[in-house]
């Protein structure tokens, strides 16, 4: 059950970061770029954390 939930969260964050990347490419507003970049960095941290949990789970560390 945990691994299924982690996969769903991983896929959702993947889509969100892709969409955020498109927003970053489309804007010329410096304030928005800073805000989007900060949000992207935070999402990537969560994304990487979920990836590590999935890896640990697949190796039966959890």
N, C-alpha and C. Protein backbone atom coordinates (compact mmCIF):
# COMPACT_ATOMS: atom_id res chain seq x y z
N UNK A 1 0.82 -1.19 0.00
CA UNK A 1 0.00 0.00 0.00
C UNK A 1 0.87 1.26 0.00
N UNK A 2 1.89 1.29 0.83
CA UNK A 2 2.77 2.45 0.90
C UNK A 2 3.43 2.73 -0.44
N UNK A 3 3.92 1.70 -1.09
CA UNK A 3 4.62 1.92 -2.36
C UNK A 3 3.66 2.46 -3.41
N UNK A 4 2.41 2.01 -3.41
CA UNK A 4 1.43 2.53 -4.36
C UNK A 4 1.17 4.01 -4.12
N UNK A 5 1.03 4.40 -2.86
CA UNK A 5 0.82 5.80 -2.52
C UNK A 5 2.02 6.65 -2.92
N UNK A 6 3.22 6.12 -2.71
CA UNK A 6 4.43 6.86 -3.07
C UNK A 6 4.52 7.03 -4.59
N UNK A 7 4.13 6.01 -5.33
CA UNK A 7 4.16 6.11 -6.80
C UNK A 7 3.18 7.18 -7.27
N UNK A 8 2.00 7.21 -6.68
CA UNK A 8 1.00 8.23 -7.04
C UNK A 8 1.54 9.62 -6.74
N UNK A 9 2.12 9.81 -5.56
CA UNK A 9 2.68 11.11 -5.18
C UNK A 9 3.83 11.49 -6.11
N UNK A 10 4.67 10.53 -6.46
CA UNK A 10 5.81 10.76 -7.35
C UNK A 10 5.32 11.23 -8.72
N UNK A 11 4.31 10.54 -9.26
CA UNK A 11 3.78 10.90 -10.57
C UNK A 11 3.11 12.27 -10.54
N UNK A 12 2.39 12.57 -9.46
CA UNK A 12 1.74 13.87 -9.34
C UNK A 12 2.77 14.99 -9.27
N UNK A 13 3.81 14.82 -8.47
CA UNK A 13 4.85 15.84 -8.39
C UNK A 13 5.58 15.99 -9.71
N UNK A 14 5.74 14.91 -10.45
CA UNK A 14 6.37 14.97 -11.77
C UNK A 14 5.55 15.85 -12.70
N UNK A 15 4.23 15.67 -12.71
CA UNK A 15 3.37 16.49 -13.56
C UNK A 15 3.40 17.95 -13.10
N UNK A 16 3.34 18.17 -11.79
CA UNK A 16 3.34 19.54 -11.27
C UNK A 16 4.63 20.26 -11.64
N UNK A 17 5.77 19.59 -11.48
CA UNK A 17 7.04 20.25 -11.81
C UNK A 17 7.16 20.50 -13.31
N UNK A 18 6.62 19.60 -14.13
CA UNK A 18 6.60 19.84 -15.57
C UNK A 18 5.76 21.08 -15.90
N UNK A 19 4.58 21.16 -15.31
CA UNK A 19 3.70 22.31 -15.56
C UNK A 19 4.32 23.60 -15.04
N UNK A 20 4.97 23.53 -13.90
CA UNK A 20 5.64 24.71 -13.35
C UNK A 20 6.77 25.14 -14.27
N UNK A 21 7.49 24.17 -14.83
CA UNK A 21 8.54 24.50 -15.79
C UNK A 21 8.00 25.24 -17.00
N UNK A 22 6.83 24.85 -17.46
CA UNK A 22 6.20 25.55 -18.58
C UNK A 22 5.84 26.98 -18.19
N UNK A 23 5.32 27.17 -16.97
CA UNK A 23 5.00 28.51 -16.50
C UNK A 23 6.26 29.39 -16.45
N UNK A 24 7.35 28.81 -15.99
CA UNK A 24 8.61 29.55 -15.91
C UNK A 24 9.05 29.98 -17.31
N UNK A 25 8.91 29.09 -18.27
CA UNK A 25 9.30 29.40 -19.65
C UNK A 25 8.42 30.49 -20.27
N UNK A 26 7.17 30.58 -19.82
CA UNK A 26 6.22 31.51 -20.43
C UNK A 26 6.24 32.91 -19.82
N UNK A 27 6.76 33.09 -18.64
CA UNK A 27 6.68 34.39 -17.97
C UNK A 27 7.96 35.21 -18.17
N UNK A 28 7.75 36.51 -18.21
CA UNK A 28 8.88 37.44 -18.28
C UNK A 28 8.95 38.31 -17.03
N UNK A 29 8.02 38.09 -16.10
CA UNK A 29 7.94 38.85 -14.86
C UNK A 29 8.97 38.32 -13.87
N UNK A 30 9.92 39.16 -13.48
CA UNK A 30 11.00 38.75 -12.59
C UNK A 30 10.48 38.25 -11.25
N UNK A 31 9.48 38.94 -10.69
CA UNK A 31 8.92 38.52 -9.41
C UNK A 31 8.30 37.13 -9.50
N UNK A 32 7.59 36.88 -10.59
CA UNK A 32 6.99 35.56 -10.79
C UNK A 32 8.07 34.50 -10.98
N UNK A 33 9.12 34.84 -11.70
CA UNK A 33 10.21 33.89 -11.92
C UNK A 33 10.83 33.47 -10.60
N UNK A 34 11.06 34.44 -9.71
CA UNK A 34 11.65 34.14 -8.40
C UNK A 34 10.70 33.24 -7.61
N UNK A 35 9.42 33.58 -7.60
CA UNK A 35 8.42 32.79 -6.88
C UNK A 35 8.34 31.37 -7.45
N UNK A 36 8.26 31.25 -8.77
CA UNK A 36 8.18 29.94 -9.41
C UNK A 36 9.45 29.12 -9.15
N UNK A 37 10.60 29.79 -9.17
CA UNK A 37 11.86 29.07 -8.94
C UNK A 37 11.92 28.53 -7.51
N UNK A 38 11.48 29.33 -6.55
CA UNK A 38 11.45 28.87 -5.16
C UNK A 38 10.51 27.68 -5.00
N UNK A 39 9.32 27.80 -5.60
CA UNK A 39 8.35 26.71 -5.53
C UNK A 39 8.89 25.46 -6.22
N UNK A 40 9.55 25.65 -7.34
CA UNK A 40 10.12 24.51 -8.06
C UNK A 40 11.18 23.81 -7.23
N UNK A 41 12.02 24.59 -6.56
CA UNK A 41 13.05 24.00 -5.70
C UNK A 41 12.46 23.19 -4.57
N UNK A 42 11.41 23.72 -3.94
CA UNK A 42 10.76 22.99 -2.86
C UNK A 42 10.12 21.70 -3.37
N UNK A 43 9.45 21.79 -4.52
CA UNK A 43 8.82 20.59 -5.09
C UNK A 43 9.86 19.54 -5.45
N UNK A 44 10.98 19.98 -5.98
CA UNK A 44 12.05 19.04 -6.34
C UNK A 44 12.60 18.33 -5.10
N UNK A 45 12.68 19.04 -3.99
CA UNK A 45 13.13 18.41 -2.75
C UNK A 45 12.17 17.30 -2.34
N UNK A 46 10.88 17.59 -2.40
CA UNK A 46 9.89 16.57 -2.06
C UNK A 46 9.94 15.41 -3.05
N UNK A 47 10.09 15.76 -4.33
CA UNK A 47 10.17 14.77 -5.39
C UNK A 47 11.34 13.82 -5.15
N UNK A 48 12.49 14.38 -4.82
CA UNK A 48 13.67 13.56 -4.54
C UNK A 48 13.49 12.72 -3.29
N UNK A 49 12.84 13.28 -2.27
CA UNK A 49 12.57 12.52 -1.06
C UNK A 49 11.68 11.32 -1.32
N UNK A 50 10.66 11.50 -2.13
CA UNK A 50 9.78 10.39 -2.47
C UNK A 50 10.54 9.34 -3.27
N UNK A 51 11.39 9.78 -4.18
CA UNK A 51 12.19 8.83 -4.96
C UNK A 51 13.08 7.99 -4.04
N UNK A 52 13.67 8.62 -3.03
CA UNK A 52 14.51 7.88 -2.10
C UNK A 52 13.69 6.89 -1.28
N UNK A 53 12.48 7.29 -0.85
CA UNK A 53 11.62 6.36 -0.12
C UNK A 53 11.22 5.17 -0.98
N UNK A 54 10.91 5.44 -2.26
CA UNK A 54 10.57 4.34 -3.17
C UNK A 54 11.73 3.38 -3.33
N UNK A 55 12.93 3.93 -3.45
CA UNK A 55 14.11 3.09 -3.59
C UNK A 55 14.33 2.26 -2.34
N UNK A 56 14.20 2.89 -1.18
CA UNK A 56 14.36 2.15 0.08
C UNK A 56 13.29 1.07 0.21
N UNK A 57 12.08 1.39 -0.19
CA UNK A 57 10.99 0.42 -0.09
C UNK A 57 11.25 -0.77 -1.02
N UNK A 58 11.74 -0.49 -2.21
CA UNK A 58 12.00 -1.59 -3.16
C UNK A 58 13.15 -2.48 -2.69
N UNK A 59 14.02 -1.94 -1.83
CA UNK A 59 15.13 -2.72 -1.29
C UNK A 59 14.79 -3.29 0.08
N UNK A 60 13.52 -3.17 0.47
CA UNK A 60 13.02 -3.65 1.77
C UNK A 60 13.74 -3.04 2.96
N UNK A 61 14.16 -1.79 2.82
CA UNK A 61 14.79 -1.09 3.93
C UNK A 61 13.73 -0.56 4.89
N UNK A 62 12.57 -0.19 4.33
CA UNK A 62 11.48 0.34 5.18
C UNK A 62 10.75 -0.78 5.88
